[in-house]
Amino acid sequence: AQRRAEAHYRIERGTSCWMEGKCAKPNAYLYDAPIGAS
């Protein structure tokens, strides 16, 4: 239930980074795995 509630919000938050020119990648969540590995 939390996943369903969170899904749309995550898409919106993730892409706003790119739309605002703050991210080179189209979604902020795409940075997470490399950050975690670092």
PDB file of all heavy atoms in Angstrom:
ATOM      1  N   ALA A   1       0.835  -1.208   0.000  1.00  0.00           N
ATOM      2  CA  ALA A   1       0.000   0.000   0.000  1.00  0.00           C
ATOM      3  C   ALA A   1       0.870   1.259   0.000  1.00  0.00           C
ATOM      4  O   ALA A   1       0.577   2.218  -0.726  1.00  0.00           O
ATOM      5  CB  ALA A   1      -0.934  -0.010   1.205  1.00  0.00           C
ATOM      6  N   GLN A   2       1.938   1.253   0.770  1.00  0.00           N
ATOM      7  CA  GLN A   2       2.850   2.393   0.777  1.00  0.00           C
ATOM      8  C   GLN A   2       3.541   2.544  -0.576  1.00  0.00           C
ATOM      9  O   GLN A   2       3.751   3.659  -1.050  1.00  0.00           O
ATOM     10  CB  GLN A   2       3.890   2.232   1.882  1.00  0.00           C
ATOM     11  CG  GLN A   2       3.316   2.379   3.271  1.00  0.00           C
ATOM     12  CD  GLN A   2       4.305   1.969   4.348  1.00  0.00           C
ATOM     13  OE1 GLN A   2       4.982   0.939   4.237  1.00  0.00           O
ATOM     14  NE2 GLN A   2       4.387   2.767   5.407  1.00  0.00           N
ATOM     15  N   ARG A   3       3.872   1.432  -1.215  1.00  0.00           N
ATOM     16  CA  ARG A   3       4.499   1.475  -2.538  1.00  0.00           C
ATOM     17  C   ARG A   3       3.570   2.147  -3.540  1.00  0.00           C
ATOM     18  O   ARG A   3       3.977   3.005  -4.308  1.00  0.00           O
ATOM     19  CB  ARG A   3       4.857   0.072  -3.028  1.00  0.00           C
ATOM     20  CG  ARG A   3       5.537   0.105  -4.416  1.00  0.00           C
ATOM     21  CD  ARG A   3       5.503  -1.235  -5.118  1.00  0.00           C
ATOM     22  NE  ARG A   3       4.177  -1.724  -5.391  1.00  0.00           N
ATOM     23  CZ  ARG A   3       3.395  -1.341  -6.418  1.00  0.00           C
ATOM     24  NH1 ARG A   3       3.804  -0.445  -7.262  1.00  0.00           N
ATOM     25  NH2 ARG A   3       2.203  -1.875  -6.590  1.00  0.00           N
ATOM     26  N   ARG A   4       2.305   1.744  -3.522  1.00  0.00           N
ATOM     27  CA  ARG A   4       1.339   2.347  -4.456  1.00  0.00           C
ATOM     28  C   ARG A   4       1.201   3.844  -4.210  1.00  0.00           C
ATOM     29  O   ARG A   4       1.154   4.635  -5.142  1.00  0.00           O
ATOM     30  CB  ARG A   4      -0.017   1.652  -4.332  1.00  0.00           C
ATOM     31  CG  ARG A   4      -0.058   0.289  -4.998  1.00  0.00           C
ATOM     32  CD  ARG A   4      -1.472  -0.259  -5.131  1.00  0.00           C
ATOM     33  NE  ARG A   4      -2.207  -0.294  -3.881  1.00  0.00           N
ATOM     34  CZ  ARG A   4      -2.193  -1.290  -3.002  1.00  0.00           C
ATOM     35  NH1 ARG A   4      -1.458  -2.364  -3.257  1.00  0.00           N
ATOM     36  NH2 ARG A   4      -2.888  -1.236  -1.887  1.00  0.00           N
ATOM     37  N   ALA A   5       1.140   4.235  -2.943  1.00  0.00           N
ATOM     38  CA  ALA A   5       1.000   5.647  -2.603  1.00  0.00           C
ATOM     39  C   ALA A   5       2.244   6.442  -2.990  1.00  0.00           C
ATOM     40  O   ALA A   5       2.154   7.610  -3.373  1.00  0.00           O
ATOM     41  CB  ALA A   5       0.722   5.796  -1.104  1.00  0.00           C
ATOM     42  N   GLU A   6       3.387   5.831  -2.918  1.00  0.00           N
ATOM     43  CA  GLU A   6       4.662   6.495  -3.168  1.00  0.00           C
ATOM     44  C   GLU A   6       5.043   6.566  -4.656  1.00  0.00           C
ATOM     45  O   GLU A   6       5.789   7.447  -5.063  1.00  0.00           O
ATOM     46  CB  GLU A   6       5.742   5.745  -2.384  1.00  0.00           C
ATOM     47  CG  GLU A   6       7.100   6.339  -2.401  1.00  0.00           C
ATOM     48  CD  GLU A   6       7.288   7.543  -1.493  1.00  0.00           C
ATOM     49  OE1 GLU A   6       6.422   7.820  -0.656  1.00  0.00           O
ATOM     50  OE2 GLU A   6       8.311   8.216  -1.647  1.00  0.00           O
ATOM     51  N   ALA A   7       4.557   5.660  -5.470  1.00  0.00           N
ATOM     52  CA  ALA A   7       5.015   5.520  -6.862  1.00  0.00           C
ATOM     53  C   ALA A   7       4.908   6.814  -7.668  1.00  0.00           C
ATOM     54  O   ALA A   7       5.890   7.252  -8.282  1.00  0.00           O
ATOM     55  CB  ALA A   7       4.260   4.390  -7.557  1.00  0.00           C
ATOM     56  N   HIS A   8       3.748   7.419  -7.699  1.00  0.00           N
ATOM     57  CA  HIS A   8       3.575   8.643  -8.495  1.00  0.00           C
ATOM     58  C   HIS A   8       4.453   9.765  -7.960  1.00  0.00           C
ATOM     59  O   HIS A   8       5.090  10.491  -8.726  1.00  0.00           O
ATOM     60  CB  HIS A   8       2.104   9.081  -8.510  1.00  0.00           C
ATOM     61  CG  HIS A   8       1.892  10.374  -9.233  1.00  0.00           C
ATOM     62  ND1 HIS A   8       1.901  10.454 -10.609  1.00  0.00           N
ATOM     63  CD2 HIS A   8       1.690  11.633  -8.781  1.00  0.00           C
ATOM     64  CE1 HIS A   8       1.720  11.713 -10.961  1.00  0.00           C
ATOM     65  NE2 HIS A   8       1.580  12.447  -9.867  1.00  0.00           N
ATOM     66  N   TYR A   9       4.480   9.898  -6.658  1.00  0.00           N
ATOM     67  CA  TYR A   9       5.275  10.939  -6.022  1.00  0.00           C
ATOM     68  C   TYR A   9       6.756  10.790  -6.369  1.00  0.00           C
ATOM     69  O   TYR A   9       7.453  11.760  -6.630  1.00  0.00           O
ATOM     70  CB  TYR A   9       5.031  10.878  -4.515  1.00  0.00           C
ATOM     71  CG  TYR A   9       5.591  12.027  -3.729  1.00  0.00           C
ATOM     72  CD1 TYR A   9       5.306  13.345  -4.064  1.00  0.00           C
ATOM     73  CD2 TYR A   9       6.411  11.798  -2.627  1.00  0.00           C
ATOM     74  CE1 TYR A   9       5.814  14.395  -3.336  1.00  0.00           C
ATOM     75  CE2 TYR A   9       6.921  12.836  -1.883  1.00  0.00           C
ATOM     76  CZ  TYR A   9       6.620  14.143  -2.243  1.00  0.00           C
ATOM     77  OH  TYR A   9       7.136  15.171  -1.511  1.00  0.00           O
ATOM     78  N   ARG A  10       7.249   9.559  -6.380  1.00  0.00           N
ATOM     79  CA  ARG A  10       8.656   9.315  -6.724  1.00  0.00           C
ATOM     80  C   ARG A  10       8.961   9.705  -8.166  1.00  0.00           C
ATOM     81  O   ARG A  10      10.020  10.270  -8.453  1.00  0.00           O
ATOM     82  CB  ARG A  10       9.029   7.845  -6.476  1.00  0.00           C
ATOM     83  CG  ARG A  10       9.199   7.510  -5.006  1.00  0.00           C
ATOM     84  CD  ARG A  10       9.459   6.031  -4.819  1.00  0.00           C
ATOM     85  NE  ARG A  10      10.754   5.622  -5.312  1.00  0.00           N
ATOM     86  CZ  ARG A  10      11.827   5.396  -4.562  1.00  0.00           C
ATOM     87  NH1 ARG A  10      11.752   5.528  -3.252  1.00  0.00           N
ATOM     88  NH2 ARG A  10      12.959   5.018  -5.091  1.00  0.00           N
ATOM     89  N   ILE A  11       8.044   9.416  -9.055  1.00  0.00           N
ATOM     90  CA  ILE A  11       8.252   9.796 -10.460  1.00  0.00           C
ATOM     91  C   ILE A  11       8.328  11.316 -10.570  1.00  0.00           C
ATOM     92  O   ILE A  11       9.221  11.869 -11.213  1.00  0.00           O
ATOM     93  CB  ILE A  11       7.132   9.233 -11.355  1.00  0.00           C
ATOM     94  CG1 ILE A  11       7.241   7.715 -11.431  1.00  0.00           C
ATOM     95  CG2 ILE A  11       7.179   9.844 -12.750  1.00  0.00           C
ATOM     96  CD1 ILE A  11       6.044   7.031 -12.049  1.00  0.00           C
ATOM     97  N   GLU A  12       7.413  11.976  -9.911  1.00  0.00           N
ATOM     98  CA  GLU A  12       7.357  13.433  -9.944  1.00  0.00           C
ATOM     99  C   GLU A  12       8.612  14.049  -9.335  1.00  0.00           C
ATOM    100  O   GLU A  12       9.234  14.936  -9.921  1.00  0.00           O
ATOM    101  CB  GLU A  12       6.111  13.884  -9.178  1.00  0.00           C
ATOM    102  CG  GLU A  12       5.683  15.282  -9.449  1.00  0.00           C
ATOM    103  CD  GLU A  12       4.340  15.549  -8.791  1.00  0.00           C
ATOM    104  OE1 GLU A  12       4.325  15.771  -7.563  1.00  0.00           O
ATOM    105  OE2 GLU A  12       3.329  15.519  -9.505  1.00  0.00           O
ATOM    106  N   ARG A  13       9.002  13.583  -8.144  1.00  0.00           N
ATOM    107  CA  ARG A  13      10.200  14.112  -7.481  1.00  0.00           C
ATOM    108  C   ARG A  13      11.455  13.805  -8.278  1.00  0.00           C
ATOM    109  O   ARG A  13      12.356  14.630  -8.367  1.00  0.00           O
ATOM    110  CB  ARG A  13      10.352  13.525  -6.078  1.00  0.00           C
ATOM    111  CG  ARG A  13       9.400  14.117  -5.066  1.00  0.00           C
ATOM    112  CD  ARG A  13       9.659  13.529  -3.708  1.00  0.00           C
ATOM    113  NE  ARG A  13       9.469  12.085  -3.768  1.00  0.00           N
ATOM    114  CZ  ARG A  13       9.554  11.276  -2.746  1.00  0.00           C
ATOM    115  NH1 ARG A  13       9.848  11.736  -1.566  1.00  0.00           N
ATOM    116  NH2 ARG A  13       9.361   9.989  -2.880  1.00  0.00           N
ATOM    117  N   GLY A  14      11.517  12.599  -8.815  1.00  0.00           N
ATOM    118  CA  GLY A  14      12.716  12.193  -9.549  1.00  0.00           C
ATOM    119  C   GLY A  14      12.956  12.997 -10.800  1.00  0.00           C
ATOM    120  O   GLY A  14      14.080  13.410 -11.089  1.00  0.00           O
ATOM    121  N   THR A  15      11.905  13.267 -11.559  1.00  0.00           N
ATOM    122  CA  THR A  15      12.070  13.996 -12.819  1.00  0.00           C
ATOM    123  C   THR A  15      12.170  15.500 -12.619  1.00  0.00           C
ATOM    124  O   THR A  15      12.723  16.192 -13.469  1.00  0.00           O
ATOM    125  CB  THR A  15      10.920  13.677 -13.799  1.00  0.00           C
ATOM    126  OG1 THR A  15       9.679  14.004 -13.177  1.00  0.00           O
ATOM    127  CG2 THR A  15      10.944  12.236 -14.222  1.00  0.00           C
ATOM    128  N   SER A  16      11.662  16.027 -11.522  1.00  0.00           N
ATOM    129  CA  SER A  16      11.729  17.478 -11.303  1.00  0.00           C
ATOM    130  C   SER A  16      13.180  17.945 -11.224  1.00  0.00           C
ATOM    131  O   SER A  16      13.498  19.059 -11.640  1.00  0.00           O
ATOM    132  CB  SER A  16      10.946  17.883 -10.058  1.00  0.00           C
ATOM    133  OG  SER A  16      11.531  17.355  -8.898  1.00  0.00           O
ATOM    134  N   CYS A  17      14.064  17.118 -10.716  1.00  0.00           N
ATOM    135  CA  CYS A  17      15.488  17.445 -10.643  1.00  0.00           C
ATOM    136  C   CYS A  17      16.029  17.741 -12.046  1.00  0.00           C
ATOM    137  O   CYS A  17      16.713  18.734 -12.260  1.00  0.00           O
ATOM    138  CB  CYS A  17      16.230  16.270 -10.005  1.00  0.00           C
ATOM    139  SG  CYS A  17      18.013  16.433  -9.950  1.00  0.00           S
ATOM    140  N   TRP A  18      15.705  16.885 -12.984  1.00  0.00           N
ATOM    141  CA  TRP A  18      16.171  17.051 -14.365  1.00  0.00           C
ATOM    142  C   TRP A  18      15.487  18.252 -15.017  1.00  0.00           C
ATOM    143  O   TRP A  18      16.125  19.056 -15.690  1.00  0.00           O
ATOM    144  CB  TRP A  18      15.890  15.764 -15.152  1.00  0.00           C
ATOM    145  CG  TRP A  18      16.314  15.837 -16.570  1.00  0.00           C
ATOM    146  CD1 TRP A  18      17.591  15.821 -17.055  1.00  0.00           C
ATOM    147  CD2 TRP A  18      15.458  15.951 -17.703  1.00  0.00           C
ATOM    148  NE1 TRP A  18      17.584  15.904 -18.428  1.00  0.00           N
ATOM    149  CE2 TRP A  18      16.275  15.987 -18.844  1.00  0.00           C
ATOM    150  CE3 TRP A  18      14.076  16.020 -17.860  1.00  0.00           C
ATOM    151  CZ2 TRP A  18      15.749  16.105 -20.121  1.00  0.00           C
ATOM    152  CZ3 TRP A  18      13.560  16.122 -19.131  1.00  0.00           C
ATOM    153  CH2 TRP A  18      14.395  16.171 -20.246  1.00  0.00           C
ATOM    154  N   MET A  19      14.190  18.387 -14.810  1.00  0.00           N
ATOM    155  CA  MET A  19      13.442  19.488 -15.421  1.00  0.00           C
ATOM    156  C   MET A  19      13.919  20.854 -14.914  1.00  0.00           C
ATOM    157  O   MET A  19      13.883  21.835 -15.646  1.00  0.00           O
ATOM    158  CB  MET A  19      11.947  19.311 -15.161  1.00  0.00           C
ATOM    159  CG  MET A  19      11.377  18.104 -15.912  1.00  0.00           C
ATOM    160  SD  MET A  19       9.673  17.736 -15.475  1.00  0.00           S
ATOM    161  CE  MET A  19       8.842  19.098 -16.260  1.00  0.00           C
ATOM    162  N   GLU A  20      14.387  20.901 -13.682  1.00  0.00           N
ATOM    163  CA  GLU A  20      14.897  22.152 -13.113  1.00  0.00           C
ATOM    164  C   GLU A  20      16.364  22.388 -13.459  1.00  0.00           C
ATOM    165  O   GLU A  20      16.945  23.392 -13.056  1.00  0.00           O
ATOM    166  CB  GLU A  20      14.722  22.133 -11.587  1.00  0.00           C
ATOM    167  CG  GLU A  20      13.274  22.167 -11.150  1.00  0.00           C
ATOM    168  CD  GLU A  20      13.093  21.886  -9.663  1.00  0.00           C
ATOM    169  OE1 GLU A  20      14.108  21.746  -8.938  1.00  0.00           O
ATOM    170  OE2 GLU A  20      11.931  21.810  -9.234  1.00  0.00           O
ATOM    171  N   GLY A  21      16.974  21.454 -14.183  1.00  0.00           N
ATOM    172  CA  GLY A  21      18.365  21.598 -14.576  1.00  0.00           C
ATOM    173  C   GLY A  21      19.355  21.285 -13.465  1.00  0.00           C
ATOM    174  O   GLY A  21      20.528  21.639 -13.553  1.00  0.00           O
ATOM    175  N   LYS A  22      18.905  20.610 -12.414  1.00  0.00           N
ATOM    176  CA  LYS A  22      19.777  20.272 -11.291  1.00  0.00           C
ATOM    177  C   LYS A  22      20.445  18.911 -11.467  1.00  0.00           C
ATOM    178  O   LYS A  22      21.352  18.577 -10.707  1.00  0.00           O
ATOM    179  CB  LYS A  22      18.986  20.273  -9.986  1.00  0.00           C
ATOM    180  CG  LYS A  22      18.456  21.639  -9.600  1.00  0.00           C
ATOM    181  CD  LYS A  22      17.659  21.546  -8.316  1.00  0.00           C
ATOM    182  CE  LYS A  22      17.064  22.879  -7.927  1.00  0.00           C
ATOM    183  NZ  LYS A  22      16.245  22.764  -6.710  1.00  0.00           N
ATOM    184  N   CYS A  23      19.969  18.108 -12.424  1.00  0.00           N
ATOM    185  CA  CYS A  23      20.507  16.768 -12.663  1.00  0.00           C
ATOM    186  C   CYS A  23      20.796  16.594 -14.151  1.00  0.00           C
ATOM    187  O   CYS A  23      20.010  17.035 -14.989  1.00  0.00           O
ATOM    188  CB  CYS A  23      19.492  15.691 -12.268  1.00  0.00           C
ATOM    189  SG  CYS A  23      19.072  15.637 -10.534  1.00  0.00           S
ATOM    190  N   ALA A  24      21.883  15.920 -14.446  1.00  0.00           N
ATOM    191  CA  ALA A  24      22.176  15.582 -15.842  1.00  0.00           C
ATOM    192  C   ALA A  24      21.386  14.358 -16.276  1.00  0.00           C
ATOM    193  O   ALA A  24      21.041  14.219 -17.446  1.00  0.00           O
ATOM    194  CB  ALA A  24      23.674  15.332 -16.010  1.00  0.00           C
ATOM    195  N   LYS A  25      21.081  13.481 -15.329  1.00  0.00           N
ATOM    196  CA  LYS A  25      20.306  12.274 -15.628  1.00  0.00           C
ATOM    197  C   LYS A  25      18.820  12.619 -15.567  1.00  0.00           C
ATOM    198  O   LYS A  25      18.422  13.508 -14.815  1.00  0.00           O
ATOM    199  CB  LYS A  25      20.649  11.161 -14.634  1.00  0.00           C
ATOM    200  CG  LYS A  25      22.100  10.712 -14.739  1.00  0.00           C
ATOM    201  CD  LYS A  25      22.416   9.616 -13.747  1.00  0.00           C
ATOM    202  CE  LYS A  25      23.884   9.222 -13.869  1.00  0.00           C
ATOM    203  NZ  LYS A  25      24.235   8.132 -12.966  1.00  0.00           N
ATOM    204  N   PRO A  26      17.976  11.906 -16.320  1.00  0.00           N
ATOM    205  CA  PRO A  26      16.548  12.257 -16.386  1.00  0.00           C
ATOM    206  C   PRO A  26      15.751  11.959 -15.119  1.00  0.00           C
ATOM    207  O   PRO A  26      14.583  12.325 -15.040  1.00  0.00           O
ATOM    208  CB  PRO A  26      16.026  11.439 -17.560  1.00  0.00           C
ATOM    209  CG  PRO A  26      16.975  10.307 -17.693  1.00  0.00           C
ATOM    210  CD  PRO A  26      18.309  10.818 -17.242  1.00  0.00           C
ATOM    211  N   ASN A  27      16.356  11.325 -14.132  1.00  0.00           N
ATOM    212  CA  ASN A  27      15.645  11.033 -12.895  1.00  0.00           C
ATOM    213  C   ASN A  27      16.663  10.999 -11.753  1.00  0.00           C
ATOM    214  O   ASN A  27      17.682  10.313 -11.850  1.00  0.00           O
ATOM    215  CB  ASN A  27      14.914   9.690 -13.011  1.00  0.00           C
ATOM    216  CG  ASN A  27      13.978   9.441 -11.866  1.00  0.00           C
ATOM    217  OD1 ASN A  27      14.362   9.478 -10.708  1.00  0.00           O
ATOM    218  ND2 ASN A  27      12.722   9.187 -12.188  1.00  0.00           N
ATOM    219  N   ALA A  28      16.381  11.706 -10.678  1.00  0.00           N
ATOM    220  CA  ALA A  28      17.317  11.788  -9.545  1.00  0.00           C
ATOM    221  C   ALA A  28      17.602  10.425  -8.931  1.00  0.00           C
ATOM    222  O   ALA A  28      18.676  10.195  -8.380  1.00  0.00           O
ATOM    223  CB  ALA A  28      16.768  12.737  -8.488  1.00  0.00           C
ATOM    224  N   TYR A  29      16.646   9.493  -9.015  1.00  0.00           N
ATOM    225  CA  TYR A  29      16.849   8.164  -8.436  1.00  0.00           C
ATOM    226  C   TYR A  29      17.904   7.356  -9.192  1.00  0.00           C
ATOM    227  O   TYR A  29      18.426   6.380  -8.669  1.00  0.00           O
ATOM    228  CB  TYR A  29      15.527   7.400  -8.372  1.00  0.00           C
ATOM    229  CG  TYR A  29      14.552   7.987  -7.383  1.00  0.00           C
ATOM    230  CD1 TYR A  29      13.551   8.856  -7.791  1.00  0.00           C
ATOM    231  CD2 TYR A  29      14.639   7.693  -6.024  1.00  0.00           C
ATOM    232  CE1 TYR A  29      12.656   9.415  -6.882  1.00  0.00           C
ATOM    233  CE2 TYR A  29      13.754   8.238  -5.110  1.00  0.00           C
ATOM    234  CZ  TYR A  29      12.774   9.103  -5.552  1.00  0.00           C
ATOM    235  OH  TYR A  29      11.898   9.650  -4.644  1.00  0.00           O
ATOM    236  N   LEU A  30      18.237   7.749 -10.417  1.00  0.00           N
ATOM    237  CA  LEU A  30      19.273   7.059 -11.182  1.00  0.00           C
ATOM    238  C   LEU A  30      20.674   7.264 -10.586  1.00  0.00           C
ATOM    239  O   LEU A  30      21.605   6.536 -10.929  1.00  0.00           O
ATOM    240  CB  LEU A  30      19.248   7.517 -12.646  1.00  0.00           C
ATOM    241  CG  LEU A  30      17.979   7.173 -13.423  1.00  0.00           C
ATOM    242  CD1 LEU A  30      18.016   7.800 -14.816  1.00  0.00           C
ATOM    243  CD2 LEU A  30      17.786   5.669 -13.515  1.00  0.00           C
ATOM    244  N   TYR A  31      20.817   8.229  -9.711  1.00  0.00           N
ATOM    245  CA  TYR A  31      22.095   8.481  -9.048  1.00  0.00           C
ATOM    246  C   TYR A  31      22.304   7.568  -7.837  1.00  0.00           C
ATOM    247  O   TYR A  31      23.419   7.429  -7.358  1.00  0.00           O
ATOM    248  CB  TYR A  31      22.159   9.940  -8.557  1.00  0.00           C
ATOM    249  CG  TYR A  31      22.265  10.962  -9.653  1.00  0.00           C
ATOM    250  CD1 TYR A  31      21.134  11.460 -10.271  1.00  0.00           C
ATOM    251  CD2 TYR A  31      23.511  11.456 -10.057  1.00  0.00           C
ATOM    252  CE1 TYR A  31      21.222  12.416 -11.267  1.00  0.00           C
ATOM    253  CE2 TYR A  31      23.611  12.415 -11.050  1.00  0.00           C
ATOM    254  CZ  TYR A  31      22.459  12.891 -11.650  1.00  0.00           C
ATOM    255  OH  TYR A  31      22.557  13.831 -12.642  1.00  0.00           O
ATOM    256  N   ASP A  32      21.238   6.984  -7.326  1.00  0.00           N
ATOM    257  CA  ASP A  32      21.300   6.307  -6.034  1.00  0.00           C
ATOM    258  C   ASP A  32      22.250   5.114  -5.977  1.00  0.00           C
ATOM    259  O   ASP A  32      23.031   4.993  -5.037  1.00  0.00           O
ATOM    260  CB  ASP A  32      19.897   5.889  -5.588  1.00  0.00           C
ATOM    261  CG  ASP A  32      19.002   7.093  -5.318  1.00  0.00           C
ATOM    262  OD1 ASP A  32      19.521   8.236  -5.280  1.00  0.00           O
ATOM    263  OD2 ASP A  32      17.789   6.893  -5.161  1.00  0.00           O
ATOM    264  N   ALA A  33      22.202   4.232  -6.944  1.00  0.00           N
ATOM    265  CA  ALA A  33      23.078   3.053  -6.919  1.00  0.00           C
ATOM    266  C   ALA A  33      24.557   3.458  -6.953  1.00  0.00           C
ATOM    267  O   ALA A  33      25.347   2.955  -6.138  1.00  0.00           O
ATOM    268  CB  ALA A  33      22.728   2.087  -8.047  1.00  0.00           C
ATOM    269  N   PRO A  34      24.966   4.367  -7.856  1.00  0.00           N
ATOM    270  CA  PRO A  34      26.376   4.783  -7.825  1.00  0.00           C
ATOM    271  C   PRO A  34      26.773   5.492  -6.526  1.00  0.00           C
ATOM    272  O   PRO A  34      27.885   5.292  -6.024  1.00  0.00           O
ATOM    273  CB  PRO A  34      26.507   5.741  -9.015  1.00  0.00           C
ATOM    274  CG  PRO A  34      25.377   5.386  -9.925  1.00  0.00           C
ATOM    275  CD  PRO A  34      24.278   4.904  -9.046  1.00  0.00           C
ATOM    276  N   ILE A  35      25.873   6.289  -5.960  1.00  0.00           N
ATOM    277  CA  ILE A  35      26.174   6.942  -4.679  1.00  0.00           C
ATOM    278  C   ILE A  35      26.352   5.876  -3.598  1.00  0.00           C
ATOM    279  O   ILE A  35      27.313   5.920  -2.823  1.00  0.00           O
ATOM    280  CB  ILE A  35      25.069   7.947  -4.288  1.00  0.00           C
ATOM    281  CG1 ILE A  35      25.119   9.175  -5.193  1.00  0.00           C
ATOM    282  CG2 ILE A  35      25.210   8.358  -2.816  1.00  0.00           C
ATOM    283  CD1 ILE A  35      23.940  10.140  -5.015  1.00  0.00           C
ATOM    284  N   GLY A  36      25.443   4.913  -3.546  1.00  0.00           N
ATOM    285  CA  GLY A  36      25.544   3.830  -2.563  1.00  0.00           C
ATOM    286  C   GLY A  36      26.850   3.061  -2.705  1.00  0.00           C
ATOM    287  O   GLY A  36      27.514   2.749  -1.705  1.00  0.00           O
ATOM    288  N   ALA A  37      27.235   2.765  -3.948  1.00  0.00           N
ATOM    289  CA  ALA A  37      28.489   2.048  -4.185  1.00  0.00           C
ATOM    290  C   ALA A  37      29.692   2.881  -3.739  1.00  0.00           C
ATOM    291  O   ALA A  37      30.635   2.353  -3.131  1.00  0.00           O
ATOM    292  CB  ALA A  37      28.616   1.682  -5.665  1.00  0.00           C
ATOM    293  N   SER A  38      29.662   4.184  -4.002  1.00  0.00           N
ATOM    294  CA  SER A  38      30.765   5.061  -3.579  1.00  0.00           C
ATOM    295  C   SER A  38      30.879   5.118  -2.065  1.00  0.00           C
ATOM    296  O   SER A  38      31.986   5.103  -1.509  1.00  0.00           O
ATOM    297  CB  SER A  38      30.564   6.476  -4.129  1.00  0.00           C
ATOM    298  OG  SER A  38      30.679   6.490  -5.526  1.00  0.00           O
TER     299      SER A  38
END
